[in-house]
Amino acid sequence: MAKIEIYTTPICGFCHAAKRLLTQKGAEFTEIDVMRDPGRKAEMMQRANGGRTVPQIFIDDTHVGGCDELYDLDRAGKLDSMLNAA
């Protein structure tokens, strides 16, 4: 199973939607709450090439983007292979 990291805040509906999709896929992920740990936001922005909004999602250190991009990958039939790559 792929290593998945998702930068979130607890008040973000898009974060909840992205986590829901990953959970439905049976994927385990590490959640990094940038509201609770604001120092991690700079890390997120650097990894996400300046992306400031949450969620920012990484699968095996590849920046996927946010919630919309995650759902786009799923609709295109590419998400499952990314999640199962190992």
C-alpha atoms as a PDB file:
ATOM      1  CA  MET A   1       0.000   0.000   0.000  1.00  0.00           C
ATOM      2  CA  ALA A   2       1.194   3.482  -0.832  1.00  0.00           C
ATOM      3  CA  LYS A   3       2.375   6.000   1.762  1.00  0.00           C
ATOM      4  CA  ILE A   4      -0.255   8.745   1.902  1.00  0.00           C
ATOM      5  CA  GLU A   5       0.099  12.066   3.702  1.00  0.00           C
ATOM      6  CA  ILE A   6      -2.644  14.668   3.822  1.00  0.00           C
ATOM      7  CA  TYR A   7      -2.292  18.165   5.272  1.00  0.00           C
ATOM      8  CA  THR A   8      -5.619  19.264   6.755  1.00  0.00           C
ATOM      9  CA  THR A   9      -7.513  21.438   9.204  1.00  0.00           C
ATOM     10  CA  PRO A  10     -10.506  20.214  11.216  1.00  0.00           C
ATOM     11  CA  ILE A  11     -12.816  22.921   9.800  1.00  0.00           C
ATOM     12  CA  CYS A  12     -12.194  22.138   6.111  1.00  0.00           C
ATOM     13  CA  GLY A  13     -15.025  20.404   4.269  1.00  0.00           C
ATOM     14  CA  PHE A  14     -12.729  19.516   1.364  1.00  0.00           C
ATOM     15  CA  CYS A  15     -10.359  17.828   3.825  1.00  0.00           C
ATOM     16  CA  HIS A  16     -13.222  15.728   5.171  1.00  0.00           C
ATOM     17  CA  ALA A  17     -14.289  14.781   1.628  1.00  0.00           C
ATOM     18  CA  ALA A  18     -10.747  13.760   0.645  1.00  0.00           C
ATOM     19  CA  LYS A  19     -10.323  11.681   3.803  1.00  0.00           C
ATOM     20  CA  ARG A  20     -13.718  10.070   3.211  1.00  0.00           C
ATOM     21  CA  LEU A  21     -12.714   8.984  -0.316  1.00  0.00           C
ATOM     22  CA  LEU A  22      -9.399   7.578   0.882  1.00  0.00           C
ATOM     23  CA  THR A  23     -11.160   5.729   3.709  1.00  0.00           C
ATOM     24  CA  GLN A  24     -13.724   4.295   1.266  1.00  0.00           C
ATOM     25  CA  LYS A  25     -10.797   3.030  -0.812  1.00  0.00           C
ATOM     26  CA  GLY A  26      -9.391   1.297   2.273  1.00  0.00           C
ATOM     27  CA  ALA A  27      -6.295   3.499   2.204  1.00  0.00           C
ATOM     28  CA  GLU A  28      -4.439   4.343   5.381  1.00  0.00           C
ATOM     29  CA  PHE A  29      -3.061   7.854   5.579  1.00  0.00           C
ATOM     30  CA  THR A  30      -1.145  10.141   7.879  1.00  0.00           C
ATOM     31  CA  GLU A  31      -3.026  13.333   8.657  1.00  0.00           C
ATOM     32  CA  ILE A  32      -1.049  16.474   9.428  1.00  0.00           C
ATOM     33  CA  ASP A  33      -3.250  19.130  11.058  1.00  0.00           C
ATOM     34  CA  VAL A  34      -1.729  22.501  10.161  1.00  0.00           C
ATOM     35  CA  MET A  35      -4.164  24.316  12.450  1.00  0.00           C
ATOM     36  CA  ARG A  36      -2.992  22.405  15.509  1.00  0.00           C
ATOM     37  CA  ASP A  37       0.653  22.455  14.392  1.00  0.00           C
ATOM     38  CA  PRO A  38       1.095  25.735  12.458  1.00  0.00           C
ATOM     39  CA  GLY A  39       4.807  25.117  11.950  1.00  0.00           C
ATOM     40  CA  ARG A  40       3.922  22.339   9.523  1.00  0.00           C
ATOM     41  CA  LYS A  41       2.174  24.787   7.163  1.00  0.00           C
ATOM     42  CA  ALA A  42       5.505  26.095   5.845  1.00  0.00           C
ATOM     43  CA  GLU A  43       6.579  22.480   5.265  1.00  0.00           C
ATOM     44  CA  MET A  44       3.315  21.836   3.388  1.00  0.00           C
ATOM     45  CA  MET A  45       3.750  24.922   1.211  1.00  0.00           C
ATOM     46  CA  GLN A  46       7.304  23.961   0.318  1.00  0.00           C
ATOM     47  CA  ARG A  47       6.340  20.389  -0.566  1.00  0.00           C
ATOM     48  CA  ALA A  48       3.259  21.577  -2.494  1.00  0.00           C
ATOM     49  CA  ASN A  49       5.220  24.108  -4.584  1.00  0.00           C
ATOM     50  CA  GLY A  50       3.587  27.063  -2.837  1.00  0.00           C
ATOM     51  CA  GLY A  51       0.142  25.510  -2.305  1.00  0.00           C
ATOM     52  CA  ARG A  52      -1.424  27.344   0.646  1.00  0.00           C
ATOM     53  CA  THR A  53      -4.835  25.734   0.906  1.00  0.00           C
ATOM     54  CA  VAL A  54      -5.786  22.452   2.514  1.00  0.00           C
ATOM     55  CA  PRO A  55      -5.962  19.660   1.812  1.00  0.00           C
ATOM     56  CA  GLN A  56      -2.625  19.040   0.172  1.00  0.00           C
ATOM     57  CA  ILE A  57      -2.270  15.342  -0.604  1.00  0.00           C
ATOM     58  CA  PHE A  58       0.863  13.313  -1.256  1.00  0.00           C
ATOM     59  CA  ILE A  59       0.934   9.702  -2.411  1.00  0.00           C
ATOM     60  CA  ASP A  60       4.394   8.119  -2.168  1.00  0.00           C
ATOM     61  CA  ASP A  61       5.870  11.642  -1.950  1.00  0.00           C
ATOM     62  CA  THR A  62       4.161  12.652  -5.223  1.00  0.00           C
ATOM     63  CA  HIS A  63       2.084  15.796  -4.828  1.00  0.00           C
ATOM     64  CA  VAL A  64      -1.433  14.953  -5.990  1.00  0.00           C
ATOM     65  CA  GLY A  65      -2.925  18.346  -5.162  1.00  0.00           C
ATOM     66  CA  GLY A  66      -6.138  18.932  -3.278  1.00  0.00           C
ATOM     67  CA  CYS A  67      -9.544  17.321  -2.969  1.00  0.00           C
ATOM     68  CA  ASP A  68     -10.650  18.104  -6.534  1.00  0.00           C
ATOM     69  CA  GLU A  69      -7.501  16.568  -8.000  1.00  0.00           C
ATOM     70  CA  LEU A  70      -7.919  13.470  -5.825  1.00  0.00           C
ATOM     71  CA  TYR A  71     -11.488  12.976  -7.090  1.00  0.00           C
ATOM     72  CA  ASP A  72     -10.335  13.669 -10.678  1.00  0.00           C
ATOM     73  CA  LEU A  73      -7.781  10.861 -10.345  1.00  0.00           C
ATOM     74  CA  ASP A  74     -10.524   8.562  -9.077  1.00  0.00           C
ATOM     75  CA  ARG A  75     -12.897   9.447 -11.941  1.00  0.00           C
ATOM     76  CA  ALA A  76     -10.083   8.877 -14.440  1.00  0.00           C
ATOM     77  CA  GLY A  77      -9.474   5.403 -12.986  1.00  0.00           C
ATOM     78  CA  LYS A  78      -5.922   6.277 -11.877  1.00  0.00           C
ATOM     79  CA  LEU A  79      -6.315   6.550  -8.098  1.00  0.00           C
ATOM     80  CA  ASP A  80      -6.608   2.831  -7.313  1.00  0.00           C
ATOM     81  CA  SER A  81      -3.324   1.994  -9.051  1.00  0.00           C
ATOM     82  CA  MET A  82      -1.573   4.821  -7.198  1.00  0.00           C
ATOM     83  CA  LEU A  83      -2.939   3.622  -3.866  1.00  0.00           C
ATOM     84  CA  ASN A  84      -1.985   0.005  -4.514  1.00  0.00           C
ATOM     85  CA  ALA A  85       1.492   0.669  -5.891  1.00  0.00           C
ATOM     86  CA  ALA A  86       4.212  -0.737  -3.693  1.00  0.00           C
END
